[in-house]
Amino acid sequence: GYRPLTRKKFIFVLANAATQAGTKPLQGHGIRIGSTLEYLLWDVPFNIIKVKGRWAINAFLMYLRQHAQILTPFIQALPLIH
């Protein structure tokens, strides 16, 4: 029968797919941060993201600041795209 997809099985399936594709497998934490960024791109409110991601306090905001610091020089170097 059908069973719920566990976190462990999800990570295992993704790791196998990455290996077969010849890429480095993603870690669970990276997937969690990536999904948080995706929710933000879809304009999901912070309080909903916090609950969905099971983030303690506002820890995910620290990652957002880090992403902004890393991406800013690259974005500023690109010509404006319309």
N, C-alpha and C. Protein backbone atom coordinates (compact mmCIF):
# COMPACT_ATOMS: atom_id res chain seq x y z
N GLY A 1 0.81 -1.19 0.00
CA GLY A 1 0.00 0.00 0.00
C GLY A 1 0.86 1.25 0.00
N TYR A 2 0.18 2.35 0.05
CA TYR A 2 0.85 3.64 0.06
C TYR A 2 1.24 4.03 1.47
N ARG A 3 2.40 4.68 1.59
CA ARG A 3 2.87 5.18 2.88
C ARG A 3 3.31 6.62 2.69
N PRO A 4 3.23 7.42 3.75
CA PRO A 4 3.69 8.81 3.64
C PRO A 4 5.19 8.85 3.31
N LEU A 5 5.57 9.84 2.54
CA LEU A 5 6.97 10.03 2.20
C LEU A 5 7.68 10.66 3.39
N THR A 6 8.64 9.95 3.93
CA THR A 6 9.38 10.47 5.08
C THR A 6 10.52 11.38 4.61
N ARG A 7 11.01 12.18 5.52
CA ARG A 7 12.14 13.05 5.22
C ARG A 7 13.34 12.23 4.77
N LYS A 8 13.61 11.14 5.49
CA LYS A 8 14.75 10.28 5.19
C LYS A 8 14.64 9.70 3.78
N LYS A 9 13.47 9.21 3.42
CA LYS A 9 13.27 8.64 2.09
C LYS A 9 13.36 9.71 1.01
N PHE A 10 12.81 10.89 1.26
CA PHE A 10 12.87 12.00 0.32
C PHE A 10 14.31 12.37 0.00
N ILE A 11 15.14 12.51 1.05
CA ILE A 11 16.55 12.85 0.87
C ILE A 11 17.27 11.72 0.12
N PHE A 12 16.94 10.48 0.43
CA PHE A 12 17.54 9.32 -0.23
C PHE A 12 17.23 9.32 -1.73
N VAL A 13 15.97 9.55 -2.08
CA VAL A 13 15.56 9.57 -3.49
C VAL A 13 16.25 10.72 -4.23
N LEU A 14 16.30 11.90 -3.62
CA LEU A 14 16.99 13.03 -4.25
C LEU A 14 18.48 12.77 -4.43
N ALA A 15 19.10 12.15 -3.44
CA ALA A 15 20.53 11.84 -3.53
C ALA A 15 20.79 10.86 -4.67
N ASN A 16 19.94 9.86 -4.81
CA ASN A 16 20.10 8.90 -5.90
C ASN A 16 19.93 9.58 -7.26
N ALA A 17 18.94 10.45 -7.37
CA ALA A 17 18.71 11.16 -8.64
C ALA A 17 19.90 12.04 -8.97
N ALA A 18 20.45 12.72 -7.98
CA ALA A 18 21.61 13.58 -8.21
C ALA A 18 22.82 12.77 -8.65
N THR A 19 23.03 11.63 -8.00
CA THR A 19 24.15 10.76 -8.35
C THR A 19 24.01 10.26 -9.78
N GLN A 20 22.81 9.84 -10.15
CA GLN A 20 22.57 9.37 -11.52
C GLN A 20 22.76 10.48 -12.54
N ALA A 21 22.47 11.71 -12.14
CA ALA A 21 22.63 12.86 -13.04
C ALA A 21 24.07 13.37 -13.05
N GLY A 22 24.91 12.79 -12.20
CA GLY A 22 26.31 13.19 -12.15
C GLY A 22 26.55 14.49 -11.40
N THR A 23 25.64 14.83 -10.51
CA THR A 23 25.79 16.06 -9.72
C THR A 23 25.93 15.71 -8.24
N LYS A 24 26.35 16.68 -7.49
CA LYS A 24 26.51 16.51 -6.05
C LYS A 24 25.14 16.52 -5.38
N PRO A 25 24.86 15.54 -4.52
CA PRO A 25 23.56 15.52 -3.83
C PRO A 25 23.37 16.73 -2.92
N LEU A 26 22.15 17.21 -2.85
CA LEU A 26 21.80 18.30 -1.94
C LEU A 26 21.65 17.74 -0.54
N GLN A 27 21.96 18.56 0.43
CA GLN A 27 21.76 18.18 1.82
C GLN A 27 20.38 18.68 2.26
N GLY A 28 19.83 18.06 3.29
CA GLY A 28 18.50 18.44 3.77
C GLY A 28 18.37 19.90 4.12
N HIS A 29 19.40 20.46 4.75
CA HIS A 29 19.33 21.86 5.17
C HIS A 29 19.30 22.78 3.96
N GLY A 30 20.06 22.46 2.93
CA GLY A 30 20.05 23.26 1.71
C GLY A 30 18.70 23.25 1.03
N ILE A 31 18.04 22.11 1.06
CA ILE A 31 16.70 21.99 0.49
C ILE A 31 15.73 22.85 1.29
N ARG A 32 15.88 22.83 2.58
CA ARG A 32 15.01 23.62 3.46
C ARG A 32 15.16 25.12 3.19
N ILE A 33 16.40 25.57 3.06
CA ILE A 33 16.65 26.99 2.78
C ILE A 33 16.13 27.35 1.39
N GLY A 34 16.39 26.47 0.44
CA GLY A 34 15.91 26.71 -0.93
C GLY A 34 14.40 26.80 -1.00
N SER A 35 13.71 25.94 -0.26
CA SER A 35 12.25 26.00 -0.28
C SER A 35 11.76 27.29 0.38
N THR A 36 12.47 27.76 1.40
CA THR A 36 12.12 29.03 2.03
C THR A 36 12.23 30.17 1.03
N LEU A 37 13.31 30.19 0.27
CA LEU A 37 13.48 31.23 -0.75
C LEU A 37 12.40 31.14 -1.82
N GLU A 38 12.04 29.92 -2.19
CA GLU A 38 10.99 29.74 -3.19
C GLU A 38 9.65 30.28 -2.68
N TYR A 39 9.32 29.99 -1.43
CA TYR A 39 8.08 30.53 -0.84
C TYR A 39 8.09 32.05 -0.86
N LEU A 40 9.24 32.65 -0.55
CA LEU A 40 9.33 34.11 -0.56
C LEU A 40 9.11 34.66 -1.96
N LEU A 41 9.64 33.98 -2.96
CA LEU A 41 9.44 34.41 -4.35
C LEU A 41 7.96 34.35 -4.74
N TRP A 42 7.23 33.47 -4.09
CA TRP A 42 5.79 33.35 -4.35
C TRP A 42 4.97 34.25 -3.42
N ASP A 43 5.65 35.15 -2.71
CA ASP A 43 5.00 36.12 -1.80
C ASP A 43 4.25 35.47 -0.64
N VAL A 44 4.75 34.33 -0.17
CA VAL A 44 4.16 33.71 1.01
C VAL A 44 4.65 34.51 2.22
N PRO A 45 3.74 34.89 3.13
CA PRO A 45 4.13 35.71 4.29
C PRO A 45 5.15 35.00 5.20
N PHE A 46 5.99 35.81 5.84
CA PHE A 46 7.03 35.27 6.72
C PHE A 46 6.47 34.33 7.78
N ASN A 47 5.35 34.70 8.41
CA ASN A 47 4.82 33.86 9.48
C ASN A 47 4.41 32.48 8.97
N ILE A 48 3.93 32.38 7.75
CA ILE A 48 3.56 31.09 7.16
C ILE A 48 4.82 30.29 6.85
N ILE A 49 5.82 30.95 6.28
CA ILE A 49 7.09 30.29 5.96
C ILE A 49 7.74 29.73 7.23
N LYS A 50 7.67 30.51 8.28
CA LYS A 50 8.26 30.10 9.55
C LYS A 50 7.62 28.81 10.05
N VAL A 51 6.30 28.71 9.94
CA VAL A 51 5.59 27.51 10.38
C VAL A 51 5.87 26.34 9.44
N LYS A 52 5.75 26.57 8.13
CA LYS A 52 5.95 25.50 7.15
C LYS A 52 7.36 24.92 7.23
N GLY A 53 8.34 25.79 7.46
CA GLY A 53 9.72 25.34 7.53
C GLY A 53 10.19 24.92 8.90
N ARG A 54 9.29 25.04 9.88
CA ARG A 54 9.61 24.72 11.27
C ARG A 54 10.86 25.46 11.73
N TRP A 55 10.93 26.75 11.34
CA TRP A 55 12.07 27.58 11.72
C TRP A 55 11.89 28.09 13.14
N ALA A 56 12.95 27.99 13.94
CA ALA A 56 12.94 28.53 15.30
C ALA A 56 13.15 30.04 15.23
N ILE A 57 12.39 30.74 16.00
CA ILE A 57 12.44 32.20 16.07
C ILE A 57 12.40 32.75 14.64
N ASN A 58 13.36 33.56 14.24
CA ASN A 58 13.42 34.06 12.87
C ASN A 58 14.76 33.70 12.24
N ALA A 59 15.22 32.47 12.53
CA ALA A 59 16.54 32.03 12.07
C ALA A 59 16.67 32.11 10.55
N PHE A 60 15.58 31.88 9.83
CA PHE A 60 15.68 31.89 8.37
C PHE A 60 16.02 33.28 7.83
N LEU A 61 15.75 34.33 8.61
CA LEU A 61 16.11 35.68 8.18
C LEU A 61 17.62 35.84 8.07
N MET A 62 18.36 35.11 8.91
CA MET A 62 19.82 35.14 8.84
C MET A 62 20.28 34.62 7.47
N TYR A 63 19.66 33.56 7.00
CA TYR A 63 20.02 33.00 5.70
C TYR A 63 19.65 33.96 4.56
N LEU A 64 18.55 34.65 4.71
CA LEU A 64 18.16 35.62 3.68
C LEU A 64 19.20 36.73 3.58
N ARG A 65 19.68 37.20 4.71
CA ARG A 65 20.72 38.24 4.69
C ARG A 65 21.98 37.73 4.01
N GLN A 66 22.36 36.49 4.31
CA GLN A 66 23.55 35.91 3.69
C GLN A 66 23.38 35.78 2.18
N HIS A 67 22.21 35.34 1.74
CA HIS A 67 21.96 35.22 0.30
C HIS A 67 22.03 36.59 -0.36
N ALA A 68 21.47 37.58 0.29
CA ALA A 68 21.49 38.94 -0.27
C ALA A 68 22.93 39.45 -0.39
N GLN A 69 23.73 39.20 0.62
CA GLN A 69 25.13 39.66 0.59
C GLN A 69 25.91 38.97 -0.52
N ILE A 70 25.63 37.70 -0.74
CA ILE A 70 26.33 36.94 -1.78
C ILE A 70 25.87 37.36 -3.17
N LEU A 71 24.57 37.55 -3.34
CA LEU A 71 24.02 37.82 -4.67
C LEU A 71 24.13 39.27 -5.12
N THR A 72 24.17 40.20 -4.18
CA THR A 72 24.17 41.62 -4.53
C THR A 72 25.24 42.01 -5.54
N PRO A 73 26.51 41.63 -5.35
CA PRO A 73 27.52 42.02 -6.35
C PRO A 73 27.22 41.48 -7.75
N PHE A 74 26.68 40.28 -7.83
CA PHE A 74 26.37 39.69 -9.13
C PHE A 74 25.20 40.41 -9.80
N ILE A 75 24.19 40.72 -9.00
CA ILE A 75 23.02 41.42 -9.54
C ILE A 75 23.41 42.82 -9.99
N GLN A 76 24.24 43.49 -9.21
CA GLN A 76 24.65 44.85 -9.57
C GLN A 76 25.53 44.87 -10.82
N ALA A 77 26.24 43.78 -11.08
CA ALA A 77 27.12 43.72 -12.26
C ALA A 77 26.35 43.44 -13.55
N LEU A 78 25.12 42.96 -13.43
CA LEU A 78 24.33 42.64 -14.61
C LEU A 78 23.64 43.88 -15.16
N PRO A 79 23.57 43.98 -16.48
CA PRO A 79 22.78 45.09 -17.04
C PRO A 79 21.29 44.85 -16.75
N LEU A 80 20.55 45.91 -16.69
CA LEU A 80 19.12 45.82 -16.43
C LEU A 80 18.44 45.04 -17.54
N ILE A 81 17.69 44.03 -17.18
CA ILE A 81 16.99 43.19 -18.15
C ILE A 81 15.51 43.53 -18.11
N HIS A 82 14.93 43.79 -19.25
CA HIS A 82 13.50 44.12 -19.31
C HIS A 82 12.74 43.00 -19.97
